Amino acid sequence: VYAIGARLMDELLTQLRAAAEPTRLRLLALCSRGAFCVSEMCQILGQSQPRLSRHLKLLAEAGMLERMPEGSNAYYQVPADADLVRVLIARLPEDDPL
């Protein structure tokens, strides 16, 4: 029982660390609205592809985004079971321009 609790705590801490960066939180907010490819996110957020790809990889590894390859592109979206992401996004102000 302790091992299960410790594993769940580790997963939660990994997710919180992944989300605790402004660009990654913005990516979560964006991907909570639908699936986007990296080039679309670069245009929307005004950041470079290598920078966003690194952030997307961390979020996907933490289980906060799912990567869906489609041809030469990969689309990212919030998984249906990502309850923590939904809680975090609900705390963001709707009128925040960022």
PDB file of N, CA and C in Angstrom:
ATOM      1  N   VAL A   1       0.830  -1.190   0.000  1.00  0.00           N
ATOM      2  CA  VAL A   1       0.000   0.000   0.000  1.00  0.00           C
ATOM      3  C   VAL A   1       0.874   1.253   0.000  1.00  0.00           C
ATOM      4  N   TYR A   2       1.928   1.255   0.806  1.00  0.00           N
ATOM      5  CA  TYR A   2       2.815   2.408   0.860  1.00  0.00           C
ATOM      6  C   TYR A   2       3.461   2.665  -0.497  1.00  0.00           C
ATOM      7  N   ALA A   3       3.868   1.588  -1.192  1.00  0.00           N
ATOM      8  CA  ALA A   3       4.517   1.737  -2.497  1.00  0.00           C
ATOM      9  C   ALA A   3       3.570   2.370  -3.504  1.00  0.00           C
ATOM     10  N   ILE A   4       2.298   2.010  -3.457  1.00  0.00           N
ATOM     11  CA  ILE A   4       1.315   2.605  -4.377  1.00  0.00           C
ATOM     12  C   ILE A   4       1.150   4.087  -4.071  1.00  0.00           C
ATOM     13  N   GLY A   5       1.041   4.434  -2.796  1.00  0.00           N
ATOM     14  CA  GLY A   5       0.912   5.835  -2.401  1.00  0.00           C
ATOM     15  C   GLY A   5       2.131   6.647  -2.799  1.00  0.00           C
ATOM     16  N   ALA A   6       3.304   6.078  -2.620  1.00  0.00           N
ATOM     17  CA  ALA A   6       4.541   6.769  -2.985  1.00  0.00           C
ATOM     18  C   ALA A   6       4.614   6.987  -4.491  1.00  0.00           C
ATOM     19  N   ARG A   7       4.177   5.977  -5.258  1.00  0.00           N
ATOM     20  CA  ARG A   7       4.192   6.118  -6.720  1.00  0.00           C
ATOM     21  C   ARG A   7       3.226   7.213  -7.178  1.00  0.00           C
ATOM     22  N   LEU A   8       2.039   7.237  -6.583  1.00  0.00           N
ATOM     23  CA  LEU A   8       1.062   8.272  -6.927  1.00  0.00           C
ATOM     24  C   LEU A   8       1.582   9.660  -6.558  1.00  0.00           C
ATOM     25  N   MET A   9       2.239   9.763  -5.418  1.00  0.00           N
ATOM     26  CA  MET A   9       2.825  11.041  -4.996  1.00  0.00           C
ATOM     27  C   MET A   9       3.913  11.471  -5.976  1.00  0.00           C
ATOM     28  N   ASP A  10       4.742  10.536  -6.414  1.00  0.00           N
ATOM     29  CA  ASP A  10       5.791  10.857  -7.395  1.00  0.00           C
ATOM     30  C   ASP A  10       5.184  11.347  -8.710  1.00  0.00           C
ATOM     31  N   GLU A  11       4.109  10.690  -9.164  1.00  0.00           N
ATOM     32  CA  GLU A  11       3.446  11.110 -10.402  1.00  0.00           C
ATOM     33  C   GLU A  11       2.875  12.519 -10.260  1.00  0.00           C
ATOM     34  N   LEU A  12       2.240  12.796  -9.131  1.00  0.00           N
ATOM     35  CA  LEU A  12       1.672  14.123  -8.897  1.00  0.00           C
ATOM     36  C   LEU A  12       2.760  15.189  -8.874  1.00  0.00           C
ATOM     37  N   LEU A  13       3.855  14.912  -8.170  1.00  0.00           N
ATOM     38  CA  LEU A  13       4.952  15.876  -8.109  1.00  0.00           C
ATOM     39  C   LEU A  13       5.574  16.107  -9.489  1.00  0.00           C
ATOM     40  N   THR A  14       5.704  15.061 -10.277  1.00  0.00           N
ATOM     41  CA  THR A  14       6.229  15.196 -11.640  1.00  0.00           C
ATOM     42  C   THR A  14       5.323  16.098 -12.464  1.00  0.00           C
ATOM     43  N   GLN A  15       4.017  15.905 -12.353  1.00  0.00           N
ATOM     44  CA  GLN A  15       3.067  16.729 -13.102  1.00  0.00           C
ATOM     45  C   GLN A  15       3.103  18.180 -12.627  1.00  0.00           C
ATOM     46  N   LEU A  16       3.164  18.394 -11.325  1.00  0.00           N
ATOM     47  CA  LEU A  16       3.207  19.762 -10.812  1.00  0.00           C
ATOM     48  C   LEU A  16       4.483  20.473 -11.265  1.00  0.00           C
ATOM     49  N   ARG A  17       5.608  19.766 -11.248  1.00  0.00           N
ATOM     50  CA  ARG A  17       6.856  20.373 -11.726  1.00  0.00           C
ATOM     51  C   ARG A  17       6.764  20.711 -13.218  1.00  0.00           C
ATOM     52  N   ALA A  18       6.156  19.816 -13.985  1.00  0.00           N
ATOM     53  CA  ALA A  18       6.024  20.050 -15.429  1.00  0.00           C
ATOM     54  C   ALA A  18       5.169  21.277 -15.713  1.00  0.00           C
ATOM     55  N   ALA A  19       4.124  21.480 -14.942  1.00  0.00           N
ATOM     56  CA  ALA A  19       3.214  22.599 -15.187  1.00  0.00           C
ATOM     57  C   ALA A  19       3.732  23.914 -14.606  1.00  0.00           C
ATOM     58  N   ALA A  20       4.717  23.857 -13.727  1.00  0.00           N
ATOM     59  CA  ALA A  20       5.177  25.031 -12.995  1.00  0.00           C
ATOM     60  C   ALA A  20       6.185  25.862 -13.784  1.00  0.00           C
ATOM     61  N   GLU A  21       5.828  26.224 -14.983  1.00  0.00           N
ATOM     62  CA  GLU A  21       6.673  27.057 -15.848  1.00  0.00           C
ATOM     63  C   GLU A  21       5.713  27.785 -16.773  1.00  0.00           C
ATOM     64  N   PRO A  22       5.870  29.094 -16.965  1.00  0.00           N
ATOM     65  CA  PRO A  22       4.877  29.871 -17.726  1.00  0.00           C
ATOM     66  C   PRO A  22       4.572  29.339 -19.129  1.00  0.00           C
ATOM     67  N   THR A  23       5.596  28.973 -19.883  1.00  0.00           N
ATOM     68  CA  THR A  23       5.344  28.486 -21.248  1.00  0.00           C
ATOM     69  C   THR A  23       4.579  27.173 -21.217  1.00  0.00           C
ATOM     70  N   ARG A  24       4.942  26.276 -20.313  1.00  0.00           N
ATOM     71  CA  ARG A  24       4.243  24.996 -20.244  1.00  0.00           C
ATOM     72  C   ARG A  24       2.797  25.170 -19.784  1.00  0.00           C
ATOM     73  N   LEU A  25       2.560  26.099 -18.882  1.00  0.00           N
ATOM     74  CA  LEU A  25       1.182  26.360 -18.459  1.00  0.00           C
ATOM     75  C   LEU A  25       0.373  26.938 -19.614  1.00  0.00           C
ATOM     76  N   ARG A  26       0.988  27.801 -20.405  1.00  0.00           N
ATOM     77  CA  ARG A  26       0.319  28.334 -21.599  1.00  0.00           C
ATOM     78  C   ARG A  26       0.019  27.226 -22.603  1.00  0.00           C
ATOM     79  N   LEU A  27       0.954  26.289 -22.767  1.00  0.00           N
ATOM     80  CA  LEU A  27       0.722  25.155 -23.673  1.00  0.00           C
ATOM     81  C   LEU A  27      -0.444  24.296 -23.194  1.00  0.00           C
ATOM     82  N   LEU A  28      -0.522  24.072 -21.898  1.00  0.00           N
ATOM     83  CA  LEU A  28      -1.648  23.305 -21.358  1.00  0.00           C
ATOM     84  C   LEU A  28      -2.967  24.026 -21.607  1.00  0.00           C
ATOM     85  N   ALA A  29      -2.964  25.339 -21.389  1.00  0.00           N
ATOM     86  CA  ALA A  29      -4.185  26.114 -21.622  1.00  0.00           C
ATOM     87  C   ALA A  29      -4.593  26.045 -23.090  1.00  0.00           C
ATOM     88  N   LEU A  30      -3.636  26.165 -23.981  1.00  0.00           N
ATOM     89  CA  LEU A  30      -3.924  26.105 -25.413  1.00  0.00           C
ATOM     90  C   LEU A  30      -4.451  24.719 -25.799  1.00  0.00           C
ATOM     91  N   CYS A  31      -3.754  23.676 -25.372  1.00  0.00           N
ATOM     92  CA  CYS A  31      -4.135  22.315 -25.754  1.00  0.00           C
ATOM     93  C   CYS A  31      -5.414  21.840 -25.068  1.00  0.00           C
ATOM     94  N   SER A  32      -5.841  22.545 -24.049  1.00  0.00           N
ATOM     95  CA  SER A  32      -7.121  22.192 -23.428  1.00  0.00           C
ATOM     96  C   SER A  32      -8.288  22.609 -24.320  1.00  0.00           C
ATOM     97  N   ARG A  33      -7.998  23.423 -25.326  1.00  0.00           N
ATOM     98  CA  ARG A  33      -9.023  23.899 -26.266  1.00  0.00           C
ATOM     99  C   ARG A  33      -9.111  23.042 -27.524  1.00  0.00           C
ATOM    100  N   GLY A  34      -8.194  22.088 -27.675  1.00  0.00           N
ATOM    101  CA  GLY A  34      -8.211  21.229 -28.854  1.00  0.00           C
ATOM    102  C   GLY A  34      -6.822  20.723 -29.170  1.00  0.00           C
ATOM    103  N   ALA A  35      -6.706  19.999 -30.270  1.00  0.00           N
ATOM    104  CA  ALA A  35      -5.424  19.447 -30.702  1.00  0.00           C
ATOM    105  C   ALA A  35      -4.727  20.434 -31.632  1.00  0.00           C
ATOM    106  N   PHE A  36      -3.450  20.660 -31.375  1.00  0.00           N
ATOM    107  CA  PHE A  36      -2.649  21.577 -32.188  1.00  0.00           C
ATOM    108  C   PHE A  36      -1.334  20.921 -32.538  1.00  0.00           C
ATOM    109  N   CYS A  37      -0.807  21.233 -33.732  1.00  0.00           N
ATOM    110  CA  CYS A  37       0.529  20.760 -34.091  1.00  0.00           C
ATOM    111  C   CYS A  37       1.545  21.803 -33.637  1.00  0.00           C
ATOM    112  N   VAL A  38       2.801  21.419 -33.627  1.00  0.00           N
ATOM    113  CA  VAL A  38       3.864  22.285 -33.121  1.00  0.00           C
ATOM    114  C   VAL A  38       3.933  23.591 -33.902  1.00  0.00           C
ATOM    115  N   SER A  39       3.809  23.538 -35.220  1.00  0.00           N
ATOM    116  CA  SER A  39       3.907  24.780 -36.009  1.00  0.00           C
ATOM    117  C   SER A  39       2.769  25.744 -35.672  1.00  0.00           C
ATOM    118  N   GLU A  40       1.582  25.209 -35.420  1.00  0.00           N
ATOM    119  CA  GLU A  40       0.459  26.077 -35.013  1.00  0.00           C
ATOM    120  C   GLU A  40       0.743  26.727 -33.664  1.00  0.00           C
ATOM    121  N   MET A  41       1.286  25.934 -32.734  1.00  0.00           N
ATOM    122  CA  MET A  41       1.605  26.483 -31.415  1.00  0.00           C
ATOM    123  C   MET A  41       2.702  27.541 -31.502  1.00  0.00           C
ATOM    124  N   CYS A  42       3.667  27.335 -32.389  1.00  0.00           N
ATOM    125  CA  CYS A  42       4.730  28.328 -32.578  1.00  0.00           C
ATOM    126  C   CYS A  42       4.140  29.661 -33.031  1.00  0.00           C
ATOM    127  N   GLN A  43       3.210  29.611 -33.965  1.00  0.00           N
ATOM    128  CA  GLN A  43       2.571  30.832 -34.455  1.00  0.00           C
ATOM    129  C   GLN A  43       1.736  31.492 -33.364  1.00  0.00           C
ATOM    130  N   ILE A  44       0.961  30.717 -32.654  1.00  0.00           N
ATOM    131  CA  ILE A  44       0.071  31.260 -31.633  1.00  0.00           C
ATOM    132  C   ILE A  44       0.852  31.864 -30.470  1.00  0.00           C
ATOM    133  N   LEU A  45       1.889  31.152 -30.018  1.00  0.00           N
ATOM    134  CA  LEU A  45       2.637  31.597 -28.848  1.00  0.00           C
ATOM    135  C   LEU A  45       3.855  32.451 -29.182  1.00  0.00           C
ATOM    136  N   GLY A  46       4.211  32.516 -30.455  1.00  0.00           N
ATOM    137  CA  GLY A  46       5.349  33.344 -30.863  1.00  0.00           C
ATOM    138  C   GLY A  46       6.681  32.838 -30.332  1.00  0.00           C
ATOM    139  N   GLN A  47       6.834  31.524 -30.261  1.00  0.00           N
ATOM    140  CA  GLN A  47       8.080  30.952 -29.765  1.00  0.00           C
ATOM    141  C   GLN A  47       8.636  29.966 -30.788  1.00  0.00           C
ATOM    142  N   SER A  48       9.911  29.648 -30.633  1.00  0.00           N
ATOM    143  CA  SER A  48      10.586  28.782 -31.605  1.00  0.00           C
ATOM    144  C   SER A  48      10.165  27.325 -31.448  1.00  0.00           C
ATOM    145  N   GLN A  49      10.311  26.587 -32.536  1.00  0.00           N
ATOM    146  CA  GLN A  49       9.961  25.163 -32.546  1.00  0.00           C
ATOM    147  C   GLN A  49      10.812  24.351 -31.568  1.00  0.00           C
ATOM    148  N   PRO A  50      12.138  24.541 -31.519  1.00  0.00           N
ATOM    149  CA  PRO A  50      12.924  23.738 -30.571  1.00  0.00           C
ATOM    150  C   PRO A  50      12.519  23.990 -29.111  1.00  0.00           C
ATOM    151  N   ARG A  51      12.243  25.235 -28.795  1.00  0.00           N
ATOM    152  CA  ARG A  51      11.842  25.577 -27.420  1.00  0.00           C
ATOM    153  C   ARG A  51      10.516  24.907 -27.065  1.00  0.00           C
ATOM    154  N   LEU A  52       9.517  25.038 -27.939  1.00  0.00           N
ATOM    155  CA  LEU A  52       8.216  24.448 -27.653  1.00  0.00           C
ATOM    156  C   LEU A  52       8.274  22.928 -27.647  1.00  0.00           C
ATOM    157  N   SER A  53       9.053  22.355 -28.533  1.00  0.00           N
ATOM    158  CA  SER A  53       9.167  20.894 -28.580  1.00  0.00           C
ATOM    159  C   SER A  53       9.716  20.342 -27.267  1.00  0.00           C
ATOM    160  N   ARG A  54      10.669  21.034 -26.685  1.00  0.00           N
ATOM    161  CA  ARG A  54      11.240  20.602 -25.405  1.00  0.00           C
ATOM    162  C   ARG A  54      10.161  20.645 -24.310  1.00  0.00           C
ATOM    163  N   HIS A  55       9.391  21.723 -24.272  1.00  0.00           N
ATOM    164  CA  HIS A  55       8.320  21.843 -23.280  1.00  0.00           C
ATOM    165  C   HIS A  55       7.231  20.789 -23.510  1.00  0.00           C
ATOM    166  N   LEU A  56       6.883  20.564 -24.762  1.00  0.00           N
ATOM    167  CA  LEU A  56       5.852  19.568 -25.081  1.00  0.00           C
ATOM    168  C   LEU A  56       6.290  18.167 -24.673  1.00  0.00           C
ATOM    169  N   LYS A  57       7.566  17.875 -24.865  1.00  0.00           N
ATOM    170  CA  LYS A  57       8.089  16.566 -24.478  1.00  0.00           C
ATOM    171  C   LYS A  57       7.948  16.356 -22.973  1.00  0.00           C
ATOM    172  N   LEU A  58       8.295  17.363 -22.177  1.00  0.00           N
ATOM    173  CA  LEU A  58       8.167  17.256 -20.724  1.00  0.00           C
ATOM    174  C   LEU A  58       6.720  17.049 -20.297  1.00  0.00           C
ATOM    175  N   LEU A  59       5.809  17.794 -20.919  1.00  0.00           N
ATOM    176  CA  LEU A  59       4.393  17.670 -20.577  1.00  0.00           C
ATOM    177  C   LEU A  59       3.840  16.301 -20.981  1.00  0.00           C
ATOM    178  N   ALA A  60       4.267  15.806 -22.131  1.00  0.00           N
ATOM    179  CA  ALA A  60       3.808  14.482 -22.579  1.00  0.00           C
ATOM    180  C   ALA A  60       4.370  13.390 -21.674  1.00  0.00           C
ATOM    181  N   GLU A  61       5.632  13.496 -21.292  1.00  0.00           N
ATOM    182  CA  GLU A  61       6.241  12.504 -20.400  1.00  0.00           C
ATOM    183  C   GLU A  61       5.551  12.482 -19.037  1.00  0.00           C
ATOM    184  N   ALA A  62       5.035  13.640 -18.603  1.00  0.00           N
ATOM    185  CA  ALA A  62       4.333  13.734 -17.320  1.00  0.00           C
ATOM    186  C   ALA A  62       2.880  13.281 -17.427  1.00  0.00           C
ATOM    187  N   GLY A  63       2.430  12.957 -18.650  1.00  0.00           N
ATOM    188  CA  GLY A  63       1.057  12.505 -18.844  1.00  0.00           C
ATOM    189  C   GLY A  63       0.043  13.632 -18.902  1.00  0.00           C
ATOM    190  N   MET A  64       0.529  14.851 -19.065  1.00  0.00           N
ATOM    191  CA  MET A  64      -0.371  16.011 -19.088  1.00  0.00           C
ATOM    192  C   MET A  64      -0.831  16.354 -20.499  1.00  0.00           C
ATOM    193  N   LEU A  65      -0.110  15.884 -21.496  1.00  0.00           N
ATOM    194  CA  LEU A  65      -0.499  16.019 -22.898  1.00  0.00           C
ATOM    195  C   LEU A  65      -0.299  14.674 -23.572  1.00  0.00           C
ATOM    196  N   GLU A  66      -1.102  14.425 -24.594  1.00  0.00           N
ATOM    197  CA  GLU A  66      -0.858  13.236 -25.402  1.00  0.00           C
ATOM    198  C   GLU A  66      -0.434  13.674 -26.790  1.00  0.00           C
ATOM    199  N   ARG A  67       0.522  12.933 -27.330  1.00  0.00           N
ATOM    200  CA  ARG A  67       1.080  13.214 -28.653  1.00  0.00           C
ATOM    201  C   ARG A  67       0.435  12.262 -29.640  1.00  0.00           C
ATOM    202  N   MET A  68      -0.098  12.841 -30.729  1.00  0.00           N
ATOM    203  CA  MET A  68      -0.756  12.031 -31.755  1.00  0.00           C
ATOM    204  C   MET A  68      -0.079  12.294 -33.094  1.00  0.00           C
ATOM    205  N   PRO A  69       0.792  11.368 -33.539  1.00  0.00           N
ATOM    206  CA  PRO A  69       1.454  11.552 -34.830  1.00  0.00           C
ATOM    207  C   PRO A  69       0.443  11.460 -35.972  1.00  0.00           C
ATOM    208  N   GLU A  70       0.607  12.346 -36.930  1.00  0.00           N
ATOM    209  CA  GLU A  70      -0.239  12.326 -38.127  1.00  0.00           C
ATOM    210  C   GLU A  70       0.612  12.785 -39.305  1.00  0.00           C
ATOM    211  N   GLY A  71       1.056  11.826 -40.093  1.00  0.00           N
ATOM    212  CA  GLY A  71       1.945  12.149 -41.207  1.00  0.00           C
ATOM    213  C   GLY A  71       3.247  12.704 -40.679  1.00  0.00           C
ATOM    214  N   SER A  72       3.671  13.845 -41.214  1.00  0.00           N
ATOM    215  CA  SER A  72       4.926  14.450 -40.769  1.00  0.00           C
ATOM    216  C   SER A  72       4.722  15.372 -39.566  1.00  0.00           C
ATOM    217  N   ASN A  73       3.480  15.532 -39.116  1.00  0.00           N
ATOM    218  CA  ASN A  73       3.178  16.372 -37.964  1.00  0.00           C
ATOM    219  C   ASN A  73       2.848  15.526 -36.748  1.00  0.00           C
ATOM    220  N   ALA A  74       2.900  16.163 -35.605  1.00  0.00           N
ATOM    221  CA  ALA A  74       2.418  15.560 -34.360  1.00  0.00           C
ATOM    222  C   ALA A  74       1.490  16.574 -33.718  1.00  0.00           C
ATOM    223  N   TYR A  75       0.333  16.118 -33.335  1.00  0.00           N
ATOM    224  CA  TYR A  75      -0.641  16.969 -32.664  1.00  0.00           C
ATOM    225  C   TYR A  75      -0.639  16.638 -31.182  1.00  0.00           C
ATOM    226  N   TYR A  76      -0.877  17.655 -30.373  1.00  0.00           N
ATOM    227  CA  TYR A  76      -0.908  17.494 -28.928  1.00  0.00           C
ATOM    228  C   TYR A  76      -2.260  17.951 -28.410  1.00  0.00           C
ATOM    229  N   GLN A  77      -2.757  17.199 -27.417  1.00  0.00           N
ATOM    230  CA  GLN A  77      -3.992  17.588 -26.763  1.00  0.00           C
ATOM    231  C   GLN A  77      -3.971  17.062 -25.330  1.00  0.00           C
ATOM    232  N   VAL A  78      -4.866  17.594 -24.514  1.00  0.00           N
ATOM    233  CA  VAL A  78      -4.979  17.146 -23.133  1.00  0.00           C
ATOM    234  C   VAL A  78      -5.723  15.814 -23.130  1.00  0.00           C
ATOM    235  N   PRO A  79      -5.166  14.790 -22.498  1.00  0.00           N
ATOM    236  CA  PRO A  79      -5.855  13.504 -22.435  1.00  0.00           C
ATOM    237  C   PRO A  79      -7.167  13.611 -21.648  1.00  0.00           C
ATOM    238  N   ALA A  80      -8.090  12.737 -21.954  1.00  0.00           N
ATOM    239  CA  ALA A  80      -9.400  12.757 -21.292  1.00  0.00           C
ATOM    240  C   ALA A  80      -9.282  12.548 -19.784  1.00  0.00           C
ATOM    241  N   ASP A  81      -8.275  11.803 -19.344  1.00  0.00           N
ATOM    242  CA  ASP A  81      -8.144  11.501 -17.915  1.00  0.00           C
ATOM    243  C   ASP A  81      -7.181  12.435 -17.174  1.00  0.00           C
ATOM    244  N   ALA A  82      -6.852  13.585 -17.765  1.00  0.00           N
ATOM    245  CA  ALA A  82      -5.897  14.526 -17.164  1.00  0.00           C
ATOM    246  C   ALA A  82      -6.626  15.499 -16.233  1.00  0.00           C
ATOM    247  N   ASP A  83      -7.092  14.976 -15.109  1.00  0.00           N
ATOM    248  CA  ASP A  83      -7.870  15.779 -14.172  1.00  0.00           C
ATOM    249  C   ASP A  83      -7.080  16.965 -13.613  1.00  0.00           C
ATOM    250  N   LEU A  84      -5.808  16.764 -13.313  1.00  0.00           N
ATOM    251  CA  LEU A  84      -5.000  17.856 -12.765  1.00  0.00           C
ATOM    252  C   LEU A  84      -4.905  19.013 -13.759  1.00  0.00           C
ATOM    253  N   VAL A  85      -4.749  18.703 -15.039  1.00  0.00           N
ATOM    254  CA  VAL A  85      -4.675  19.756 -16.054  1.00  0.00           C
ATOM    255  C   VAL A  85      -5.963  20.571 -16.040  1.00  0.00           C
ATOM    256  N   ARG A  86      -7.088  19.910 -15.968  1.00  0.00           N
ATOM    257  CA  ARG A  86      -8.372  20.618 -15.969  1.00  0.00           C
ATOM    258  C   ARG A  86      -8.526  21.500 -14.730  1.00  0.00           C
ATOM    259  N   VAL A  87      -8.044  21.034 -13.588  1.00  0.00           N
ATOM    260  CA  VAL A  87      -8.094  21.839 -12.363  1.00  0.00           C
ATOM    261  C   VAL A  87      -7.206  23.074 -12.513  1.00  0.00           C
ATOM    262  N   LEU A  88      -5.997  22.888 -13.044  1.00  0.00           N
ATOM    263  CA  LEU A  88      -5.086  24.020 -13.226  1.00  0.00           C
ATOM    264  C   LEU A  88      -5.648  25.041 -14.213  1.00  0.00           C
ATOM    265  N   ILE A  89      -6.177  24.576 -15.328  1.00  0.00           N
ATOM    266  CA  ILE A  89      -6.712  25.465 -16.357  1.00  0.00           C
ATOM    267  C   ILE A  89      -7.917  26.234 -15.820  1.00  0.00           C
ATOM    268  N   ALA A  90      -8.723  25.589 -15.004  1.00  0.00           N
ATOM    269  CA  ALA A  90      -9.897  26.254 -14.428  1.00  0.00           C
ATOM    270  C   ALA A  90      -9.497  27.416 -13.515  1.00  0.00           C
ATOM    271  N   ARG A  91      -8.284  27.391 -12.994  1.00  0.00           N
ATOM    272  CA  ARG A  91      -7.797  28.458 -12.113  1.00  0.00           C
ATOM    273  C   ARG A  91      -7.252  29.660 -12.877  1.00  0.00           C
ATOM    274  N   LEU A  92      -7.040  29.522 -14.171  1.00  0.00           N
ATOM    275  CA  LEU A  92      -6.509  30.629 -14.970  1.00  0.00           C
ATOM    276  C   LEU A  92      -7.631  31.607 -15.327  1.00  0.00           C
ATOM    277  N   PRO A  93      -7.349  32.902 -15.275  1.00  0.00           N
ATOM    278  CA  PRO A  93      -8.375  33.875 -15.654  1.00  0.00           C
ATOM    279  C   PRO A  93      -8.681  33.798 -17.156  1.00  0.00           C
ATOM    280  N   GLU A  94      -9.959  33.761 -17.505  1.00  0.00           N
ATOM    281  CA  GLU A  94     -10.379  33.676 -18.905  1.00  0.00           C
ATOM    282  C   GLU A  94      -9.934  34.881 -19.726  1.00  0.00           C
ATOM    283  N   ASP A  95      -9.848  36.049 -19.116  1.00  0.00           N
ATOM    284  CA  ASP A  95      -9.528  37.276 -19.850  1.00  0.00           C
ATOM    285  C   ASP A  95      -8.046  37.585 -19.910  1.00  0.00           C
ATOM    286  N   ASP A  96      -7.199  36.667 -19.452  1.00  0.00           N
ATOM    287  CA  ASP A  96      -5.757  36.856 -19.483  1.00  0.00           C
ATOM    288  C   ASP A  96      -5.278  36.740 -20.925  1.00  0.00           C
ATOM    289  N   PRO A  97      -4.671  37.784 -21.490  1.00  0.00           N
ATOM    290  CA  PRO A  97      -4.253  37.738 -22.899  1.00  0.00           C
ATOM    291  C   PRO A  97      -3.145  36.719 -23.178  1.00  0.00           C
ATOM    292  N   LEU A  98      -2.389  36.341 -22.182  1.00  0.00           N
ATOM    293  CA  LEU A  98      -1.326  35.346 -22.383  1.00  0.00           C
ATOM    294  C   LEU A  98      -1.919  33.964 -22.414  1.00  0.00           C
TER     295      LEU A  98
END
